[in-house]
Amino acid sequence: LEFPYQRDSFLPSSWRPITKKEYRFLSTIISQRVPCNILIFGWEPQYRRLAKMNAAGSTVFLEDHPERVRMRKLNSTTVYKVNYDVPAKEAFELLKHAREEIDCAPNSGPVETSACKLALTNLPNMVYGHNWDVILVDGPSSDKPEAPGRMAAIYTASIMARAGNITTNVVVHDVDRMIEKWFSWEFLCEENLVSSKGRYWNFRIQDGMQSTSTRFCSHGSLSKE
């Protein structure tokens, strides 16, 4: 059963609305942390409800098509336009790069000055200066091989979560797709997966976890099959 919704012309043709169970899953995660700092890569119409739940905190949306974000202005909510430049078809080459380059290790330093090809270094400055209680990766849309993929968003979320001095929930959407699944296992790690529902995985990164480590996961990386 899905929420009733109206088709928004700004949404990609491949868009599938989240289900009631998935929304309940997300709202439970948020309700356990509010008031808090929430960072959301991308946009789903139902996310406006999550922002309202966090009215006493701060919610930031990073969206490459900000015209998609349809919600009333809240003092606690900010929308920034960001650019994602790397197409989804380059995912495996970037995975190899991250495994081979020390600049991509979790102890390589601040993500905003990173030389890793997966690091998003062009985000608004305030994004790097916050400790994020919840990071939700649902953008860019990655709906075709030539379109920007979520590789960099997942990697950057992982580095940000590990650099903070609080425990961070990193939630990834569309884990039924290969890129989201590969990169979540690689940089967020099966050992940190605490819950899931539908197409969402919820990882819990403990405060400062592995920020001095050369490895993301204690059990090593996935192999490409």
C-alpha atoms as a PDB file:
ATOM      1  CA  LEU A   1       0.000   0.000   0.000  1.00  0.00           C
ATOM      2  CA  GLU A   2       1.452   3.359  -1.035  1.00  0.00           C
ATOM      3  CA  PHE A   3       0.742   6.937  -0.031  1.00  0.00           C
ATOM      4  CA  PRO A   4      -1.679   8.710  -2.332  1.00  0.00           C
ATOM      5  CA  TYR A   5       0.304  11.182  -4.421  1.00  0.00           C
ATOM      6  CA  GLN A   6       0.108  13.367  -7.486  1.00  0.00           C
ATOM      7  CA  ARG A   7       2.624  12.856 -10.261  1.00  0.00           C
ATOM      8  CA  ASP A   8       5.083  15.756 -10.168  1.00  0.00           C
ATOM      9  CA  SER A   9       6.450  16.713 -13.571  1.00  0.00           C
ATOM     10  CA  PHE A  10       9.858  17.361 -11.999  1.00  0.00           C
ATOM     11  CA  LEU A  11      10.219  13.794 -10.757  1.00  0.00           C
ATOM     12  CA  PRO A  12      12.067  11.252 -12.963  1.00  0.00           C
ATOM     13  CA  SER A  13       9.935   8.827 -14.957  1.00  0.00           C
ATOM     14  CA  SER A  14      11.411   5.886 -13.017  1.00  0.00           C
ATOM     15  CA  TRP A  15      10.305   7.318  -9.676  1.00  0.00           C
ATOM     16  CA  ARG A  16       8.469   4.965  -7.330  1.00  0.00           C
ATOM     17  CA  PRO A  17       6.770   6.461  -4.244  1.00  0.00           C
ATOM     18  CA  ILE A  18       7.787   5.110  -0.882  1.00  0.00           C
ATOM     19  CA  THR A  19       5.340   2.805   0.871  1.00  0.00           C
ATOM     20  CA  LYS A  20       3.592   3.369   4.174  1.00  0.00           C
ATOM     21  CA  LYS A  21       5.843   0.805   5.834  1.00  0.00           C
ATOM     22  CA  GLU A  22       8.945   2.514   4.463  1.00  0.00           C
ATOM     23  CA  TYR A  23       7.736   5.917   5.651  1.00  0.00           C
ATOM     24  CA  ARG A  24       6.968   4.490   9.093  1.00  0.00           C
ATOM     25  CA  PHE A  25      10.481   3.038   9.153  1.00  0.00           C
ATOM     26  CA  LEU A  26      12.019   6.439   8.370  1.00  0.00           C
ATOM     27  CA  SER A  27       9.813   8.336  10.798  1.00  0.00           C
ATOM     28  CA  THR A  28      10.767   5.953  13.607  1.00  0.00           C
ATOM     29  CA  ILE A  29      14.466   6.607  12.980  1.00  0.00           C
ATOM     30  CA  ILE A  30      13.880  10.381  12.954  1.00  0.00           C
ATOM     31  CA  SER A  31      11.603  10.371  16.009  1.00  0.00           C
ATOM     32  CA  GLN A  32      14.321   8.687  18.055  1.00  0.00           C
ATOM     33  CA  ARG A  33      16.751  11.535  17.291  1.00  0.00           C
ATOM     34  CA  VAL A  34      14.681  14.750  17.193  1.00  0.00           C
ATOM     35  CA  PRO A  35      15.455  17.544  17.660  1.00  0.00           C
ATOM     36  CA  CYS A  36      18.540  16.872  15.586  1.00  0.00           C
ATOM     37  CA  ASN A  37      20.587  17.666  12.470  1.00  0.00           C
ATOM     38  CA  ILE A  38      19.373  15.845   9.344  1.00  0.00           C
ATOM     39  CA  LEU A  39      21.174  15.886   5.994  1.00  0.00           C
ATOM     40  CA  ILE A  40      19.253  14.561   2.987  1.00  0.00           C
ATOM     41  CA  PHE A  41      20.813  13.918  -0.420  1.00  0.00           C
ATOM     42  CA  GLY A  42      17.856  14.077  -2.825  1.00  0.00           C
ATOM     43  CA  TRP A  43      14.131  14.376  -2.411  1.00  0.00           C
ATOM     44  CA  GLU A  44      10.957  12.357  -1.981  1.00  0.00           C
ATOM     45  CA  PRO A  45       7.608  14.164  -1.534  1.00  0.00           C
ATOM     46  CA  GLN A  46       7.081  12.376   1.792  1.00  0.00           C
ATOM     47  CA  TYR A  47      10.334  13.830   3.164  1.00  0.00           C
ATOM     48  CA  ARG A  48       8.552  17.106   3.856  1.00  0.00           C
ATOM     49  CA  ARG A  49       6.847  15.272   6.718  1.00  0.00           C
ATOM     50  CA  LEU A  50      10.204  14.224   8.124  1.00  0.00           C
ATOM     51  CA  ALA A  51      11.373  17.845   8.033  1.00  0.00           C
ATOM     52  CA  LYS A  52       8.241  18.915   9.907  1.00  0.00           C
ATOM     53  CA  MET A  53       8.906  16.269  12.551  1.00  0.00           C
ATOM     54  CA  ASN A  54      12.289  17.923  13.071  1.00  0.00           C
ATOM     55  CA  ALA A  55      10.960  21.482  13.302  1.00  0.00           C
ATOM     56  CA  ALA A  56      12.966  22.090  16.477  1.00  0.00           C
ATOM     57  CA  GLY A  57      16.153  20.879  14.782  1.00  0.00           C
ATOM     58  CA  SER A  58      17.819  21.504  11.417  1.00  0.00           C
ATOM     59  CA  THR A  59      17.102  19.725   8.113  1.00  0.00           C
ATOM     60  CA  VAL A  60      19.193  20.321   4.994  1.00  0.00           C
ATOM     61  CA  PHE A  61      18.308  19.043   1.512  1.00  0.00           C
ATOM     62  CA  LEU A  62      21.016  18.694  -1.157  1.00  0.00           C
ATOM     63  CA  GLU A  63      19.300  18.419  -4.528  1.00  0.00           C
ATOM     64  CA  ASP A  64      20.588  18.724  -8.088  1.00  0.00           C
ATOM     65  CA  HIS A  65      17.091  19.725  -9.222  1.00  0.00           C
ATOM     66  CA  PRO A  66      15.865  21.980  -6.391  1.00  0.00           C
ATOM     67  CA  GLU A  67      12.647  22.738  -8.289  1.00  0.00           C
ATOM     68  CA  ARG A  68      11.541  19.237  -7.232  1.00  0.00           C
ATOM     69  CA  VAL A  69      11.447  20.266  -3.581  1.00  0.00           C
ATOM     70  CA  ARG A  70       7.878  21.307  -2.990  1.00  0.00           C
ATOM     71  CA  MET A  71       7.314  22.316   0.611  1.00  0.00           C
ATOM     72  CA  ARG A  72       6.409  25.311   2.681  1.00  0.00           C
ATOM     73  CA  LYS A  73       9.351  27.235   4.014  1.00  0.00           C
ATOM     74  CA  LEU A  74      10.330  26.202   7.512  1.00  0.00           C
ATOM     75  CA  ASN A  75      12.897  28.126   9.521  1.00  0.00           C
ATOM     76  CA  SER A  76      14.532  24.801  10.351  1.00  0.00           C
ATOM     77  CA  THR A  77      14.797  23.621   6.716  1.00  0.00           C
ATOM     78  CA  THR A  78      17.247  24.675   3.997  1.00  0.00           C
ATOM     79  CA  VAL A  79      17.531  23.507   0.381  1.00  0.00           C
ATOM     80  CA  TYR A  80      20.844  23.786  -1.495  1.00  0.00           C
ATOM     81  CA  LYS A  81      21.454  23.132  -5.169  1.00  0.00           C
ATOM     82  CA  VAL A  82      24.376  20.765  -5.723  1.00  0.00           C
ATOM     83  CA  ASN A  83      25.987  19.265  -8.811  1.00  0.00           C
ATOM     84  CA  TYR A  84      26.828  15.597  -9.257  1.00  0.00           C
ATOM     85  CA  ASP A  85      29.251  15.082 -12.131  1.00  0.00           C
ATOM     86  CA  VAL A  86      30.093  11.381 -12.213  1.00  0.00           C
ATOM     87  CA  PRO A  87      27.798   9.081 -14.230  1.00  0.00           C
ATOM     88  CA  ALA A  88      26.549   5.815 -12.782  1.00  0.00           C
ATOM     89  CA  LYS A  89      28.324   3.815 -15.502  1.00  0.00           C
ATOM     90  CA  GLU A  90      31.693   4.683 -13.891  1.00  0.00           C
ATOM     91  CA  ALA A  91      30.759   3.045 -10.589  1.00  0.00           C
ATOM     92  CA  PHE A  92      33.054   0.020 -10.752  1.00  0.00           C
ATOM     93  CA  GLU A  93      36.101   2.035 -11.823  1.00  0.00           C
ATOM     94  CA  LEU A  94      35.497   4.363  -8.891  1.00  0.00           C
ATOM     95  CA  LEU A  95      35.177   1.407  -6.554  1.00  0.00           C
ATOM     96  CA  LYS A  96      38.584   0.163  -7.710  1.00  0.00           C
ATOM     97  CA  HIS A  97      40.015   3.667  -7.260  1.00  0.00           C
ATOM     98  CA  ALA A  98      38.731   3.882  -3.689  1.00  0.00           C
ATOM     99  CA  ARG A  99      40.220   0.500  -2.777  1.00  0.00           C
ATOM    100  CA  GLU A 100      43.640   1.368  -4.190  1.00  0.00           C
ATOM    101  CA  GLU A 101      44.107   5.018  -3.149  1.00  0.00           C
ATOM    102  CA  ILE A 102      45.099   5.981   0.405  1.00  0.00           C
ATOM    103  CA  ASP A 103      43.377   9.319  -0.197  1.00  0.00           C
ATOM    104  CA  CYS A 104      40.057   7.461  -0.007  1.00  0.00           C
ATOM    105  CA  ALA A 105      40.703   5.730   3.343  1.00  0.00           C
ATOM    106  CA  PRO A 106      38.531   6.700   6.323  1.00  0.00           C
ATOM    107  CA  ASN A 107      41.555   8.264   8.043  1.00  0.00           C
ATOM    108  CA  SER A 108      42.490  10.426   5.038  1.00  0.00           C
ATOM    109  CA  GLY A 109      41.261  13.663   6.609  1.00  0.00           C
ATOM    110  CA  PRO A 110      38.374  16.085   6.026  1.00  0.00           C
ATOM    111  CA  VAL A 111      36.216  15.148   3.082  1.00  0.00           C
ATOM    112  CA  GLU A 112      36.034  18.742   1.846  1.00  0.00           C
ATOM    113  CA  THR A 113      39.788  18.749   1.104  1.00  0.00           C
ATOM    114  CA  SER A 114      40.034  15.113  -0.004  1.00  0.00           C
ATOM    115  CA  ALA A 115      41.807  14.069  -3.204  1.00  0.00           C
ATOM    116  CA  CYS A 116      39.626  10.968  -3.484  1.00  0.00           C
ATOM    117  CA  LYS A 117      37.555  10.967  -6.685  1.00  0.00           C
ATOM    118  CA  LEU A 118      34.501   9.916  -4.671  1.00  0.00           C
ATOM    119  CA  ALA A 119      34.619  12.841  -2.250  1.00  0.00           C
ATOM    120  CA  LEU A 120      32.042  15.590  -2.735  1.00  0.00           C
ATOM    121  CA  THR A 121      34.196  18.660  -2.157  1.00  0.00           C
ATOM    122  CA  ASN A 122      31.811  21.238  -3.653  1.00  0.00           C
ATOM    123  CA  LEU A 123      29.041  21.130  -1.041  1.00  0.00           C
ATOM    124  CA  PRO A 124      28.016  24.235   0.930  1.00  0.00           C
ATOM    125  CA  ASN A 125      30.521  25.008   3.713  1.00  0.00           C
ATOM    126  CA  MET A 126      27.904  24.604   6.449  1.00  0.00           C
ATOM    127  CA  VAL A 127      27.436  20.959   5.458  1.00  0.00           C
ATOM    128  CA  TYR A 128      31.024  20.172   6.439  1.00  0.00           C
ATOM    129  CA  GLY A 129      30.832  22.096   9.701  1.00  0.00           C
ATOM    130  CA  HIS A 130      27.977  20.099  11.244  1.00  0.00           C
ATOM    131  CA  ASN A 131      27.714  16.876  13.177  1.00  0.00           C
ATOM    132  CA  TRP A 132      24.838  15.043  11.490  1.00  0.00           C
ATOM    133  CA  ASP A 133      22.541  12.821  13.543  1.00  0.00           C
ATOM    134  CA  VAL A 134      20.886  11.373  10.446  1.00  0.00           C
ATOM    135  CA  ILE A 135      22.147  11.318   6.850  1.00  0.00           C
ATOM    136  CA  LEU A 136      19.695  10.064   4.231  1.00  0.00           C
ATOM    137  CA  VAL A 137      21.056   9.216   0.770  1.00  0.00           C
ATOM    138  CA  ASP A 138      18.358   9.386  -1.897  1.00  0.00           C
ATOM    139  CA  GLY A 139      20.053  11.439  -4.574  1.00  0.00           C
ATOM    140  CA  PRO A 140      20.909  11.941  -7.304  1.00  0.00           C
ATOM    141  CA  SER A 141      18.198   9.952  -9.075  1.00  0.00           C
ATOM    142  CA  SER A 142      20.661   7.627 -10.895  1.00  0.00           C
ATOM    143  CA  ASP A 143      17.894   6.413 -13.164  1.00  0.00           C
ATOM    144  CA  LYS A 144      20.113   5.580 -16.174  1.00  0.00           C
ATOM    145  CA  PRO A 145      23.811   4.711 -16.775  1.00  0.00           C
ATOM    146  CA  GLU A 146      24.618   8.172 -18.162  1.00  0.00           C
ATOM    147  CA  ALA A 147      22.936   9.958 -15.249  1.00  0.00           C
ATOM    148  CA  PRO A 148      24.913  10.907 -12.120  1.00  0.00           C
ATOM    149  CA  GLY A 149      25.160   8.015  -9.680  1.00  0.00           C
ATOM    150  CA  ARG A 150      25.042   7.883  -5.884  1.00  0.00           C
ATOM    151  CA  MET A 151      28.569   6.570  -5.478  1.00  0.00           C
ATOM    152  CA  ALA A 152      29.992   9.869  -4.216  1.00  0.00           C
ATOM    153  CA  ALA A 153      26.997  10.619  -1.976  1.00  0.00           C
ATOM    154  CA  ILE A 154      27.314   7.261  -0.182  1.00  0.00           C
ATOM    155  CA  TYR A 155      31.093   7.591   0.214  1.00  0.00           C
ATOM    156  CA  THR A 156      30.833  11.188   1.451  1.00  0.00           C
ATOM    157  CA  ALA A 157      28.078  10.281   3.907  1.00  0.00           C
ATOM    158  CA  SER A 158      30.286   7.521   5.292  1.00  0.00           C
ATOM    159  CA  ILE A 159      33.263   9.848   5.788  1.00  0.00           C
ATOM    160  CA  MET A 160      31.103  12.544   7.416  1.00  0.00           C
ATOM    161  CA  ALA A 161      29.524  10.039   9.789  1.00  0.00           C
ATOM    162  CA  ARG A 162      32.906   8.688  10.864  1.00  0.00           C
ATOM    163  CA  ALA A 163      34.396  12.158  11.342  1.00  0.00           C
ATOM    164  CA  GLY A 164      31.726  13.317  13.781  1.00  0.00           C
ATOM    165  CA  ASN A 165      31.777  12.991  17.530  1.00  0.00           C
ATOM    166  CA  ILE A 166      28.220  11.649  17.688  1.00  0.00           C
ATOM    167  CA  THR A 167      26.556   8.439  16.544  1.00  0.00           C
ATOM    168  CA  THR A 168      25.073   8.902  13.085  1.00  0.00           C
ATOM    169  CA  ASN A 169      22.333   6.962  11.319  1.00  0.00           C
ATOM    170  CA  VAL A 170      23.120   6.713   7.591  1.00  0.00           C
ATOM    171  CA  VAL A 171      20.063   5.580   5.635  1.00  0.00           C
ATOM    172  CA  VAL A 172      20.344   4.576   1.973  1.00  0.00           C
ATOM    173  CA  HIS A 173      17.381   4.318  -0.395  1.00  0.00           C
ATOM    174  CA  ASP A 174      17.011   2.047  -3.452  1.00  0.00           C
ATOM    175  CA  VAL A 175      19.264  -0.700  -2.123  1.00  0.00           C
ATOM    176  CA  ASP A 176      17.599  -3.060  -4.576  1.00  0.00           C
ATOM    177  CA  ARG A 177      19.838  -1.411  -7.195  1.00  0.00           C
ATOM    178  CA  MET A 178      23.415  -2.569  -7.755  1.00  0.00           C
ATOM    179  CA  ILE A 179      25.276   0.698  -7.100  1.00  0.00           C
ATOM    180  CA  GLU A 180      23.449   1.485  -3.887  1.00  0.00           C
ATOM    181  CA  LYS A 181      23.996  -2.074  -2.657  1.00  0.00           C
ATOM    182  CA  TRP A 182      27.704  -2.285  -3.588  1.00  0.00           C
ATOM    183  CA  PHE A 183      28.674   1.102  -2.222  1.00  0.00           C
ATOM    184  CA  SER A 184      26.692   0.671   0.987  1.00  0.00           C
ATOM    185  CA  TRP A 185      28.447  -2.627   1.737  1.00  0.00           C
ATOM    186  CA  GLU A 186      31.810  -1.123   0.803  1.00  0.00           C
ATOM    187  CA  PHE A 187      31.706   2.106   2.824  1.00  0.00           C
ATOM    188  CA  LEU A 188      28.968   1.664   5.453  1.00  0.00           C
ATOM    189  CA  CYS A 189      29.547  -2.052   6.096  1.00  0.00           C
ATOM    190  CA  GLU A 190      27.316  -5.000   6.896  1.00  0.00           C
ATOM    191  CA  GLU A 191      28.483  -4.946  10.521  1.00  0.00           C
ATOM    192  CA  ASN A 192      26.895  -1.485  10.943  1.00  0.00           C
ATOM    193  CA  LEU A 193      23.538  -2.401   9.384  1.00  0.00           C
ATOM    194  CA  VAL A 194      21.002  -2.244  12.218  1.00  0.00           C
ATOM    195  CA  SER A 195      17.647  -2.338  10.394  1.00  0.00           C
ATOM    196  CA  SER A 196      15.968  -2.333   7.002  1.00  0.00           C
ATOM    197  CA  LYS A 197      12.570  -2.012   5.403  1.00  0.00           C
ATOM    198  CA  GLY A 198      11.667  -2.315   1.745  1.00  0.00           C
ATOM    199  CA  ARG A 199      14.275  -0.422  -0.277  1.00  0.00           C
ATOM    200  CA  TYR A 200      15.906   1.269   2.741  1.00  0.00           C
ATOM    201  CA  TRP A 201      18.925   0.213   4.801  1.00  0.00           C
ATOM    202  CA  ASN A 202      19.774   1.898   8.095  1.00  0.00           C
ATOM    203  CA  PHE A 203      23.421   1.889   9.191  1.00  0.00           C
ATOM    204  CA  ARG A 204      24.568   3.131  12.596  1.00  0.00           C
ATOM    205  CA  ILE A 205      28.058   4.636  12.644  1.00  0.00           C
ATOM    206  CA  GLN A 206      29.316   5.038  16.207  1.00  0.00           C
ATOM    207  CA  ASP A 207      30.875   8.356  17.258  1.00  0.00           C
ATOM    208  CA  GLY A 208      34.254   8.804  15.625  1.00  0.00           C
ATOM    209  CA  MET A 209      34.104   5.233  14.355  1.00  0.00           C
ATOM    210  CA  GLN A 210      37.225   4.235  12.409  1.00  0.00           C
ATOM    211  CA  SER A 211      38.200   7.871  11.737  1.00  0.00           C
ATOM    212  CA  THR A 212      41.790   6.782  12.413  1.00  0.00           C
ATOM    213  CA  SER A 213      41.485   3.493  10.528  1.00  0.00           C
ATOM    214  CA  THR A 214      42.739   2.612   7.062  1.00  0.00           C
ATOM    215  CA  ARG A 215      39.740   0.306   6.473  1.00  0.00           C
ATOM    216  CA  PHE A 216      36.014   0.956   6.393  1.00  0.00           C
ATOM    217  CA  CYS A 217      34.859  -2.557   7.288  1.00  0.00           C
ATOM    218  CA  SER A 218      36.413  -5.081   9.650  1.00  0.00           C
ATOM    219  CA  HIS A 219      35.565  -7.954   7.289  1.00  0.00           C
ATOM    220  CA  GLY A 220      37.096  -6.469   4.140  1.00  0.00           C
ATOM    221  CA  SER A 221      35.494  -5.436   0.854  1.00  0.00           C
ATOM    222  CA  LEU A 222      33.061  -7.057  -1.520  1.00  0.00           C
ATOM    223  CA  SER A 223      34.375  -8.657  -4.673  1.00  0.00           C
ATOM    224  CA  LYS A 224      32.774  -7.881  -8.007  1.00  0.00           C
ATOM    225  CA  GLU A 225      30.903 -10.933  -9.202  1.00  0.00           C
END
